[in-house]
Protein backbone atom coordinates (compact mmCIF):
# COMPACT_ATOMS: atom_id res chain seq x y z
CA MET A 1 0.24 1.20 -10.77
CA LEU A 2 3.35 -0.24 -12.42
CA GLY A 3 3.70 2.91 -14.46
CA MET A 4 3.45 4.98 -11.30
CA VAL A 5 6.13 2.89 -9.61
CA ALA A 6 8.43 3.18 -12.61
CA GLN A 7 7.97 6.93 -12.70
CA ILE A 8 8.78 7.26 -9.02
CA GLN A 9 11.84 5.04 -9.37
CA THR A 10 13.15 7.16 -12.24
CA SER A 11 12.72 10.45 -10.41
CA PHE A 12 14.32 9.11 -7.27
CA LYS A 13 17.34 7.67 -9.05
CA LYS A 14 17.79 11.04 -10.66
CA TYR A 15 18.09 12.72 -7.26
CA PRO A 16 19.76 10.28 -4.85
CA PRO A 17 20.60 11.67 -1.42
CA SER A 18 24.31 12.44 -1.20
CA ASN A 19 24.75 10.41 1.98
CA LEU A 20 23.08 7.24 0.65
CA THR A 21 23.62 4.69 -2.05
CA ALA A 22 21.09 4.37 -4.87
CA THR A 23 19.83 0.94 -3.87
CA PHE A 24 16.31 1.22 -2.55
CA CYS A 25 12.86 -0.26 -2.35
CA ILE A 26 9.47 1.41 -2.42
CA CYS A 27 7.17 1.10 0.60
CA VAL A 28 3.76 2.53 1.36
CA ILE A 29 2.87 4.77 4.28
CA SER A 30 -0.88 5.52 4.23
CA ASN A 31 -1.72 6.03 0.55
CA ALA A 32 1.53 7.71 -0.49
CA PHE A 33 4.72 6.19 -1.84
CA THR A 34 7.78 6.83 0.26
CA PHE A 35 11.26 5.40 0.11
CA PHE A 36 13.25 3.19 2.43
CA PHE A 37 16.89 2.79 1.46
CA HIS A 38 18.73 -0.41 2.20
CA ASP A 39 20.68 1.13 5.06
CA PHE A 40 17.53 1.69 7.10
CA LEU A 41 17.34 -0.92 9.82
CA PRO A 42 14.40 -3.02 8.51
CA GLU A 43 13.11 -3.65 12.02
CA CYS A 44 13.35 0.03 12.97
CA SER A 45 12.03 2.10 10.08
CA GLY A 46 8.36 2.61 10.91
CA PRO A 47 6.72 6.05 10.96
CA LEU A 48 6.82 7.60 14.43
CA GLY A 49 3.45 9.28 14.06
CA ILE A 50 3.60 12.75 12.56
CA GLU A 51 1.42 11.73 9.62
CA GLY A 52 -0.82 9.36 11.57
CA GLY A 53 -1.44 11.74 14.45
CA ILE A 54 0.24 9.75 17.22
CA ILE A 55 2.52 12.78 17.62
CA SER A 56 0.16 15.50 18.85
CA ASN A 57 0.05 19.16 17.79
CA GLN A 58 1.68 20.18 21.08
CA GLN A 59 4.72 18.03 20.30
CA ILE A 60 5.48 19.97 17.09
CA THR A 61 6.93 23.46 17.53
CA ALA A 62 8.93 25.88 15.41
CA SER A 63 11.00 29.04 15.49
CA SER A 64 8.26 30.99 13.68
CA THR A 65 5.02 30.76 11.71
CA HIS A 66 4.25 32.43 8.38
CA ARG A 67 1.07 34.49 8.28
CA ALA A 68 -0.53 35.37 4.95
CA LEU A 69 -3.60 37.25 3.72
CA PHE A 70 -3.44 39.87 6.48
CA GLY A 71 -2.89 37.19 9.10
CA LEU A 72 -5.91 35.09 8.12
CA GLN A 73 -3.73 32.19 6.96
CA LYS A 74 -1.37 30.78 9.58
CA TRP A 75 1.00 27.99 8.51
CA TYR A 76 1.54 26.48 11.96
CA PRO A 77 4.22 23.86 12.72
CA TYR A 78 1.61 21.23 13.59
CA TYR A 79 0.49 21.31 9.95
CA ALA A 80 3.86 19.81 8.95
CA ARG A 81 2.41 16.31 8.61
CA LEU A 82 3.42 14.14 5.66
CA ASN A 83 0.72 14.05 2.96
CA LYS A 84 -1.51 16.54 4.80
CA LYS A 85 -4.32 17.84 2.58
CA GLY A 86 -6.20 21.11 2.47
CA LEU A 87 -5.64 24.75 1.62
CA ILE A 88 -3.22 25.20 4.54
CA ASN A 89 -1.40 21.89 4.69
CA ALA A 90 2.18 22.49 5.83
CA TRP A 91 4.45 24.52 8.08
CA THR A 92 6.02 27.65 6.64
CA ALA A 93 8.60 29.73 8.49
CA ALA A 94 8.14 33.50 8.75
CA GLU A 95 9.82 35.54 6.03
CA ASN A 96 12.06 37.38 8.49
CA ASP A 97 13.21 34.19 10.26
CA ARG A 98 16.89 33.92 9.33
CA TRP A 99 17.56 30.69 11.22
CA PRO A 100 14.29 28.74 11.03
CA TRP A 101 13.73 25.36 12.59
CA ILE A 102 10.95 22.90 13.32
CA GLN A 103 11.12 20.62 16.35
CA ILE A 104 9.54 17.29 17.31
CA ASN A 105 9.29 16.26 20.95
CA LEU A 106 9.00 12.46 21.00
CA GLN A 107 8.28 12.62 24.77
CA ARG A 108 10.89 9.97 25.51
CA LYS A 109 14.25 8.91 24.16
CA MET A 110 13.79 6.95 20.93
CA ARG A 111 15.88 5.54 18.10
CA VAL A 112 15.35 7.73 15.01
CA THR A 113 16.63 6.15 11.81
CA GLY A 114 15.41 8.55 9.14
CA VAL A 115 13.22 11.39 7.98
CA ILE A 116 10.85 11.90 5.05
CA THR A 117 10.32 15.46 3.81
CA GLN A 118 7.76 16.96 1.45
CA GLY A 119 6.97 20.46 0.26
CA ALA A 120 3.59 22.03 -0.47
CA LYS A 121 1.88 24.64 -2.62
CA ARG A 122 1.12 28.01 -1.12
CA ILE A 123 -1.17 30.34 -3.08
CA GLY A 124 -0.57 28.09 -6.10
CA SER A 125 3.21 28.35 -5.94
CA PRO A 126 5.42 25.29 -5.20
CA GLU A 127 7.53 25.72 -2.05
CA TYR A 128 9.92 23.24 -0.47
CA ILE A 129 13.19 22.79 1.39
CA LYS A 130 16.10 21.89 -0.89
CA SER A 131 18.55 21.03 1.89
CA TYR A 132 18.58 20.91 5.67
CA LYS A 133 20.55 20.01 8.79
CA ILE A 134 19.40 17.92 11.75
CA ALA A 135 19.98 18.50 15.47
CA TYR A 136 18.92 16.43 18.46
CA SER A 137 18.63 16.77 22.23
CA ASN A 138 17.53 14.87 25.31
CA ASP A 139 16.38 17.87 27.33
CA GLY A 140 15.30 20.40 24.69
CA LYS A 141 18.04 22.80 25.81
CA THR A 142 21.42 21.32 24.89
CA TRP A 143 21.62 20.43 21.21
CA ALA A 144 24.03 18.46 19.03
CA MET A 145 24.18 18.76 15.25
CA TYR A 146 24.14 15.53 13.26
CA LYS A 147 27.62 15.13 11.78
CA VAL A 148 29.12 13.55 8.70
CA LYS A 149 30.29 10.18 10.01
CA GLY A 150 33.85 10.30 11.31
CA THR A 151 34.15 14.10 11.07
CA ASN A 152 33.16 17.25 12.93
CA GLU A 153 31.33 18.57 9.86
CA ASP A 154 27.57 19.14 10.03
CA MET A 155 25.71 16.80 7.69
CA VAL A 156 23.73 18.68 5.06
CA PHE A 157 20.89 16.46 3.85
CA ARG A 158 19.50 16.82 0.37
CA GLY A 159 15.82 17.71 0.45
CA ASN A 160 13.02 17.99 -2.06
CA VAL A 161 12.95 18.88 -5.74
CA ASP A 162 9.24 19.69 -5.98
CA ASN A 163 6.30 20.47 -3.73
CA ASN A 164 4.72 17.02 -3.51
CA THR A 165 7.14 14.08 -3.92
CA PRO A 166 8.24 12.65 -0.54
CA TYR A 167 12.00 12.33 -0.13
CA ALA A 168 13.71 10.09 2.44
CA ASN A 169 17.09 10.30 4.14
CA SER A 170 18.47 7.83 6.65
CA PHE A 171 20.46 8.51 9.80
CA THR A 172 23.49 6.21 9.90
CA PRO A 173 24.23 5.87 12.75
CA PRO A 174 20.71 6.39 14.15
CA ILE A 175 19.87 9.28 16.45
CA LYS A 176 18.97 8.36 20.03
CA ALA A 177 17.16 11.33 21.51
CA GLN A 178 13.85 12.76 22.71
CA TYR A 179 13.93 15.93 20.59
CA VAL A 180 14.71 16.26 16.88
CA ARG A 181 15.08 19.57 15.03
CA LEU A 182 15.20 20.18 11.30
CA TYR A 183 17.04 23.34 10.18
CA PRO A 184 16.26 24.39 6.57
CA GLN A 185 19.38 25.52 4.70
CA VAL A 186 18.17 26.27 1.18
CA CYS A 187 14.50 26.79 0.35
CA ARG A 188 12.48 27.32 -2.80
CA ARG A 189 10.66 30.60 -2.09
CA HIS A 190 9.59 30.16 1.53
CA CYS A 191 10.73 27.31 3.80
CA THR A 192 7.65 25.07 3.63
CA LEU A 193 7.55 21.53 4.99
CA ARG A 194 5.54 18.38 5.56
CA MET A 195 7.43 15.52 7.19
CA GLU A 196 7.61 12.19 9.00
CA LEU A 197 10.26 10.73 11.31
CA LEU A 198 11.16 7.04 11.07
CA GLY A 199 12.42 4.81 13.84
CA CYS A 200 11.36 2.76 16.85
CA GLU A 201 11.56 2.46 20.61
CA LEU A 202 15.10 2.17 21.98
CA SER A 203 14.51 -1.52 22.59
CA GLY A 204 13.82 -2.01 18.88
CA CYS A 205 10.74 -3.98 19.91
CA SER A 206 7.87 -1.79 18.75
CA GLU A 207 6.72 -3.22 15.44
CA PRO A 208 3.01 -3.67 14.57
CA LEU A 209 2.01 -7.21 15.49
CA GLY A 210 -0.56 -7.57 12.73
CA MET A 211 -4.00 -6.15 13.52
CA LYS A 212 -3.88 -3.68 10.65
CA SER A 213 -1.96 -5.89 8.21
CA GLY A 214 -4.09 -8.99 8.79
CA HIS A 215 -1.17 -11.05 10.08
CA ILE A 216 -3.35 -11.49 13.16
CA GLN A 217 -6.24 -13.46 11.66
CA ASP A 218 -9.94 -12.95 12.29
CA TYR A 219 -10.32 -16.02 14.53
CA GLN A 220 -7.62 -14.65 16.87
CA ILE A 221 -9.78 -11.61 17.73
CA THR A 222 -12.74 -12.16 20.06
CA ALA A 223 -14.91 -10.00 22.29
CA SER A 224 -17.36 -10.02 25.18
CA SER A 225 -20.29 -8.95 22.99
CA ILE A 226 -21.11 -7.36 19.64
CA PHE A 227 -23.50 -4.67 18.44
CA ARG A 228 -25.79 -4.71 15.40
CA THR A 229 -27.00 -1.37 14.09
CA LEU A 230 -30.79 -1.52 13.67
CA ASN A 231 -30.46 -5.20 14.69
CA MET A 232 -29.42 -5.99 11.12
CA ASP A 233 -26.80 -8.69 10.47
CA MET A 234 -25.28 -6.66 7.64
CA PHE A 235 -24.37 -3.97 10.19
CA THR A 236 -22.63 -6.21 12.71
CA TRP A 237 -19.66 -4.60 14.46
CA GLU A 238 -17.65 -7.77 14.98
CA PRO A 239 -14.33 -8.06 16.87
CA ARG A 240 -12.51 -9.07 13.68
CA LYS A 241 -13.18 -5.55 12.38
CA ALA A 242 -11.25 -3.92 15.25
CA ARG A 243 -8.27 -3.27 12.98
CA LEU A 244 -6.44 0.06 12.95
CA ASP A 245 -7.51 2.27 10.01
CA LYS A 246 -10.08 -0.26 8.76
CA GLN A 247 -12.33 1.37 6.16
CA GLY A 248 -15.99 0.91 5.24
CA LYS A 249 -19.36 1.67 6.81
CA VAL A 250 -18.92 -1.03 9.45
CA ASN A 251 -15.24 -0.72 10.25
CA ALA A 252 -14.66 -1.41 13.95
CA TRP A 253 -15.72 -3.51 16.92
CA THR A 254 -18.62 -2.17 18.96
CA SER A 255 -19.75 -3.95 22.11
CA GLY A 256 -23.35 -5.00 22.60
CA HIS A 257 -23.42 -3.39 26.04
CA ASN A 258 -21.99 -0.16 27.42
CA ASP A 259 -20.45 -1.21 30.73
CA GLN A 260 -17.04 -1.85 32.26
CA SER A 261 -17.32 -5.62 31.89
CA GLN A 262 -16.73 -5.47 28.12
CA TRP A 263 -13.47 -6.59 26.49
CA LEU A 264 -11.71 -7.10 23.18
CA GLN A 265 -9.23 -9.99 23.16
CA VAL A 266 -6.32 -10.84 20.86
CA ASP A 267 -4.71 -14.28 20.85
CA LEU A 268 -1.12 -13.84 19.65
CA LEU A 269 -0.77 -17.67 19.47
CA VAL A 270 2.64 -17.61 21.20
CA PRO A 271 3.97 -15.64 24.18
CA THR A 272 4.87 -12.22 22.79
CA LYS A 273 6.55 -9.11 24.15
CA VAL A 274 3.97 -6.31 23.87
CA THR A 275 5.45 -2.82 24.25
CA GLY A 276 2.67 -0.57 23.01
CA ILE A 277 -0.87 -0.18 21.75
CA ILE A 278 -2.58 2.17 19.29
CA THR A 279 -6.33 2.77 19.54
CA GLN A 280 -8.84 4.52 17.30
CA GLY A 281 -12.59 5.09 17.34
CA ALA A 282 -15.07 5.04 14.44
CA LYS A 283 -18.39 6.44 13.22
CA ASP A 284 -21.66 4.52 13.14
CA PHE A 285 -23.74 6.22 10.44
CA GLY A 286 -22.32 9.60 11.34
CA HIS A 287 -22.34 9.11 15.11
CA VAL A 288 -18.88 9.58 16.64
CA GLN A 289 -17.94 6.72 18.99
CA PHE A 290 -14.69 5.90 20.79
CA VAL A 291 -13.09 4.53 23.94
CA GLY A 292 -11.84 7.37 26.14
CA SER A 293 -9.84 5.23 28.56
CA TYR A 294 -9.12 1.56 29.11
CA LYS A 295 -7.25 -1.02 31.14
CA LEU A 296 -5.22 -3.96 29.83
CA ALA A 297 -5.20 -7.56 30.99
CA TYR A 298 -3.02 -10.45 29.89
CA SER A 299 -2.91 -14.23 30.15
CA ASN A 300 -0.96 -17.20 28.85
CA ASP A 301 -3.79 -19.74 29.02
CA GLY A 302 -6.82 -17.55 28.20
CA GLU A 303 -8.43 -18.40 31.55
CA HIS A 304 -6.38 -16.78 34.30
CA TRP A 305 -5.98 -13.04 33.78
CA THR A 306 -3.79 -10.34 35.29
CA VAL A 307 -4.71 -6.66 34.97
CA TYR A 308 -1.71 -4.49 34.06
CA GLN A 309 -0.62 -2.42 37.06
CA ASP A 310 0.60 1.12 37.57
CA GLU A 311 3.80 0.33 39.48
CA LYS A 312 4.04 3.75 41.14
CA GLN A 313 0.44 3.90 42.34
CA ARG A 314 0.15 0.14 42.89
CA LYS A 315 -3.24 -0.16 41.28
CA ASP A 316 -4.74 -1.01 37.87
CA LYS A 317 -3.29 1.30 35.23
CA VAL A 318 -5.88 3.27 33.29
CA PHE A 319 -4.57 4.22 29.84
CA GLN A 320 -5.73 7.40 28.13
CA GLY A 321 -7.73 6.55 25.03
CA ASN A 322 -9.17 8.57 22.18
CA PHE A 323 -10.91 11.94 21.99
CA ASP A 324 -12.44 11.54 18.52
CA ASN A 325 -13.39 8.83 16.05
CA ASP A 326 -10.33 8.83 13.81
CA THR A 327 -7.09 10.05 15.43
CA HIS A 328 -4.57 7.41 16.49
CA ARG A 329 -3.74 7.31 20.20
CA LYS A 330 -0.55 5.46 21.13
CA ASN A 331 0.36 4.28 24.61
CA VAL A 332 3.71 2.75 25.54
CA ILE A 333 3.56 -0.31 27.80
CA ASP A 334 6.55 0.06 30.11
CA PRO A 335 7.44 -2.36 31.53
CA PRO A 336 6.23 -4.48 28.62
CA ILE A 337 3.74 -7.31 28.82
CA TYR A 338 4.99 -10.80 27.98
CA ALA A 339 1.98 -13.00 27.24
CA ARG A 340 -0.01 -14.86 24.60
CA HIS A 341 -3.43 -13.27 25.20
CA ILE A 342 -4.14 -9.54 25.51
CA ARG A 343 -7.45 -7.98 26.54
CA ILE A 344 -8.45 -4.34 26.16
CA LEU A 345 -10.92 -3.43 28.92
CA PRO A 346 -12.83 -0.23 28.00
CA TRP A 347 -13.20 1.99 31.08
CA SER A 348 -14.85 5.12 29.66
CA TRP A 349 -16.33 5.85 26.26
CA TYR A 350 -18.23 8.30 24.10
CA GLY A 351 -21.40 7.13 22.37
CA ARG A 352 -20.91 3.38 22.30
CA ILE A 353 -17.79 1.34 23.11
CA THR A 354 -16.15 1.30 19.67
CA LEU A 355 -12.60 0.34 18.89
CA ARG A 356 -10.00 -0.11 16.17
CA SER A 357 -6.54 -1.07 17.38
CA GLU A 358 -2.98 -2.26 16.79
CA LEU A 359 -0.59 -3.97 19.19
CA LEU A 360 3.14 -3.18 19.09
CA GLY A 361 6.00 -5.43 20.14
CA CYS A 362 8.04 -8.41 18.98
CA THR A 363 8.21 -12.16 19.38
CA GLU A 364 10.78 -13.77 21.65
CA GLU A 365 12.92 -14.77 18.64
CA GLU A 366 13.25 -11.12 17.57
């Protein structure tokens, strides 16, 4: 591992982005090394969900799509996900597209602090974007190009030098917009791209609170009931396993009963501002299981609970959940919840009530 880190450091120092200094640290997104330079805002540099799937296929569009092998291979824009695997694992613009672009609709105005780009191999040949420009918009119609700070000159960002190594650039100042477009300027063979956007909610209060990382400890996670596959203790789907992206054969919480009285509870220990939630299903010995919709409740004493309301409809808000066992589903909680205890109340499900999750927000001090 140390050798791998040293190798990555060497290659990155060799090709520093022109708009950044060479001081950097190495961070991990999924299982791939990516790079966060010191001028990223540390509290606002998380992935916005292209790689993880929070950003859906419909949110990723492009000026064109390359079709190969008599149209059998289509390199669609929604394949442009960082570290995507497979034979067709990136977006490629059509050969006759003279002004190609790929666009991300974040569905609301967000603070975007950086971008990670990556090329891919197509028919065995490395392809990548050597340089690019960035544009942004709040309505998807009127666009502004990202400029060199203090000038009216379009910023040209340095891109990749091979088909696989991720390369990060920061936006200083950050972009505040709903739509972000990347315009390739110089490409190696075809314009081929995998990518991730970095940033946070405009409030800056959207960091993972610790389900996935373990900062939230096992004893802080409780539930109404638990399920044992084949009634065997070794296959107990305990609440402490309800952690986003948890791996293993028993890697989630599953309730002992399938009804709307079930709940998963997280004790945050102190009153905390909760601005979002990510949910995920799981498989029980090949059987797909997930929560399709849910409500949220909150409390400061763990005894008296309030169900989160839809302010417009003046009734309990039902959040859309998952549609498969693995894809992340993110919901923004606006207005945010300010409480110590959070309960997820499954409302509909597929198979059994099964859940992995992460809470997003910040403590009062932040």
